[in-house]
Amino acid sequence: MKRLAIDVQPGEYAVARLDRATPVPAGLLDPAEPGLVSITRTPGELSVVCPAARAPETATVDTDWRLLTVRGPLAFTLTGIIAALSSELASAGVALFTLSTFDTDHVLVKAADLSRAVTALRAAGHEVDDVNGA
């Protein structure tokens, strides 16, 4: 696997679940608010990944996630990025939640596992920039 540059993003994130028929909560996609927001609607749910402070109040919410972002943009022809990161983190006993955007891939790990995740990714040869010092 190619050496990746990964940035640990500031702040706590949440993964939330709403009923599939729920409208996207107002203001969630406000571009003036910092941080990644991802909204996915399936036939069974509306899932939201966002900074914890912006998690919808009516949702089932899982908090204490930290966001790691692969520096992009990444070409669509690249293969195995999530597979490699998943394998490296699994070997370190770190559970993860992943999502991809047009430009790059993102991995969320529990805050309690962040230091172990950063150590594992660095040991695998990746550059990890963690301004918070994990």
Protein backbone atom coordinates (compact mmCIF):
# COMPACT_ATOMS: atom_id res chain seq x y z
CA MET A 1 0.00 0.00 0.00
CA LYS A 2 1.17 3.46 -0.87
CA ARG A 3 2.17 5.63 2.07
CA LEU A 4 -0.76 7.88 2.91
CA ALA A 5 -0.88 11.28 4.57
CA ILE A 6 -3.62 11.30 7.20
CA ASP A 7 -4.85 14.24 9.26
CA VAL A 8 -6.54 13.85 12.63
CA GLN A 9 -9.34 16.40 12.58
CA PRO A 10 -10.12 18.46 15.67
CA GLY A 11 -13.15 17.82 17.83
CA GLU A 12 -15.51 15.01 18.65
CA TYR A 13 -17.83 13.49 16.05
CA ALA A 14 -21.12 11.63 16.29
CA VAL A 15 -22.80 8.98 14.17
CA ALA A 16 -26.56 9.38 14.28
CA ARG A 17 -29.57 7.46 13.00
CA LEU A 18 -32.96 8.92 12.18
CA ASP A 19 -36.07 7.34 10.69
CA ARG A 20 -35.77 7.07 6.91
CA ALA A 21 -38.68 9.48 6.37
CA THR A 22 -37.16 12.22 8.54
CA PRO A 23 -36.27 15.39 6.63
CA VAL A 24 -32.63 16.45 6.78
CA PRO A 25 -32.40 18.51 10.00
CA ALA A 26 -32.37 22.26 9.36
CA GLY A 27 -28.95 23.89 9.46
CA LEU A 28 -27.01 20.63 9.41
CA LEU A 29 -25.49 21.49 6.03
CA ASP A 30 -24.75 25.13 6.86
CA PRO A 31 -21.41 25.83 5.14
CA ALA A 32 -20.54 28.42 7.81
CA GLU A 33 -20.31 25.66 10.43
CA PRO A 34 -16.95 23.85 10.59
CA GLY A 35 -16.40 20.14 10.24
CA LEU A 36 -17.42 17.22 8.08
CA VAL A 37 -21.10 16.43 7.71
CA SER A 38 -22.22 13.36 5.79
CA ILE A 39 -25.86 12.46 5.26
CA THR A 40 -26.94 9.16 3.75
CA ARG A 41 -30.51 8.03 3.19
CA THR A 42 -31.21 4.34 2.60
CA PRO A 43 -34.55 2.53 2.38
CA GLY A 44 -34.24 1.88 6.13
CA GLU A 45 -32.65 4.96 7.70
CA LEU A 46 -31.22 8.45 7.50
CA SER A 47 -27.63 8.34 8.79
CA VAL A 48 -25.71 11.44 9.80
CA VAL A 49 -22.04 11.84 10.63
CA CYS A 50 -21.27 15.28 12.05
CA PRO A 51 -19.51 17.17 14.82
CA ALA A 52 -21.04 15.89 18.08
CA ALA A 53 -22.38 19.30 19.07
CA ARG A 54 -24.49 19.37 15.90
CA ALA A 55 -25.99 15.87 16.19
CA PRO A 56 -29.77 15.92 15.69
CA GLU A 57 -31.55 15.91 19.06
CA THR A 58 -34.22 13.45 17.91
CA ALA A 59 -31.70 10.89 16.62
CA THR A 60 -30.21 7.77 18.11
CA VAL A 61 -26.66 9.05 18.57
CA ASP A 62 -23.31 7.35 19.15
CA THR A 63 -20.66 9.86 20.26
CA ASP A 64 -16.97 9.97 21.17
CA TRP A 65 -15.69 9.44 17.61
CA ARG A 66 -12.57 11.11 16.22
CA LEU A 67 -12.13 11.77 12.52
CA LEU A 68 -9.05 10.88 10.49
CA THR A 69 -8.97 12.16 6.90
CA VAL A 70 -6.71 10.87 4.14
CA ARG A 71 -5.19 13.87 2.40
CA GLY A 72 -6.61 14.08 -1.08
CA PRO A 73 -7.82 14.39 -3.61
CA LEU A 74 -7.46 10.70 -4.38
CA ALA A 75 -7.84 9.31 -7.88
CA PHE A 76 -10.77 6.95 -8.39
CA THR A 77 -8.29 4.45 -9.87
CA LEU A 78 -6.55 3.97 -6.51
CA THR A 79 -7.51 0.70 -4.89
CA GLY A 80 -7.30 -0.77 -1.42
CA ILE A 81 -7.08 2.41 0.67
CA ILE A 82 -9.94 1.60 3.04
CA ALA A 83 -8.98 -2.09 2.99
CA ALA A 84 -5.42 -1.27 4.07
CA LEU A 85 -6.45 1.19 6.76
CA SER A 86 -9.10 -1.21 8.04
CA SER A 87 -6.61 -4.06 8.19
CA GLU A 88 -3.98 -1.97 9.96
CA LEU A 89 -6.48 -0.73 12.53
CA ALA A 90 -8.05 -4.16 13.00
CA SER A 91 -4.60 -5.61 13.72
CA ALA A 92 -4.31 -3.03 16.50
CA GLY A 93 -7.77 -3.90 17.84
CA VAL A 94 -9.28 -0.56 16.80
CA ALA A 95 -12.91 -0.52 15.61
CA LEU A 96 -13.74 1.96 12.88
CA PHE A 97 -16.47 3.62 10.87
CA THR A 98 -15.58 4.69 7.33
CA LEU A 99 -17.00 6.97 4.71
CA SER A 100 -15.81 8.28 1.39
CA THR A 101 -16.34 11.52 -0.46
CA PHE A 102 -15.56 12.54 -4.03
CA ASP A 103 -12.08 13.71 -3.00
CA THR A 104 -10.98 11.35 -0.25
CA ASP A 105 -11.63 8.74 2.42
CA HIS A 106 -12.38 9.26 6.10
CA VAL A 107 -12.06 6.92 9.07
CA LEU A 108 -13.67 7.48 12.45
CA VAL A 109 -12.31 5.76 15.54
CA LYS A 110 -13.47 5.99 19.13
CA ALA A 111 -11.67 8.75 21.05
CA ALA A 112 -10.35 6.20 23.55
CA ASP A 113 -8.65 4.35 20.67
CA LEU A 114 -7.19 7.39 18.89
CA SER A 115 -3.67 7.08 20.27
CA ARG A 116 -3.56 3.37 19.42
CA ALA A 117 -4.90 4.10 15.92
CA VAL A 118 -2.30 6.80 15.25
CA THR A 119 0.47 4.50 16.49
CA ALA A 120 -0.72 1.64 14.26
CA LEU A 121 -1.00 3.84 11.17
CA ARG A 122 2.45 5.31 11.72
CA ALA A 123 3.89 1.82 12.26
CA ALA A 124 2.39 0.84 8.89
CA GLY A 125 4.36 3.67 7.27
CA HIS A 126 1.69 6.35 6.99
CA GLU A 127 2.27 9.99 7.86
CA VAL A 128 -0.24 10.98 10.53
CA ASP A 129 -0.56 14.64 11.46
CA ASP A 130 -2.25 14.92 14.84
CA VAL A 131 -2.35 18.50 16.05
CA ASN A 132 -3.86 17.22 19.32
CA GLY A 133 -0.87 15.02 20.08
CA ALA A 134 -2.41 11.53 20.20
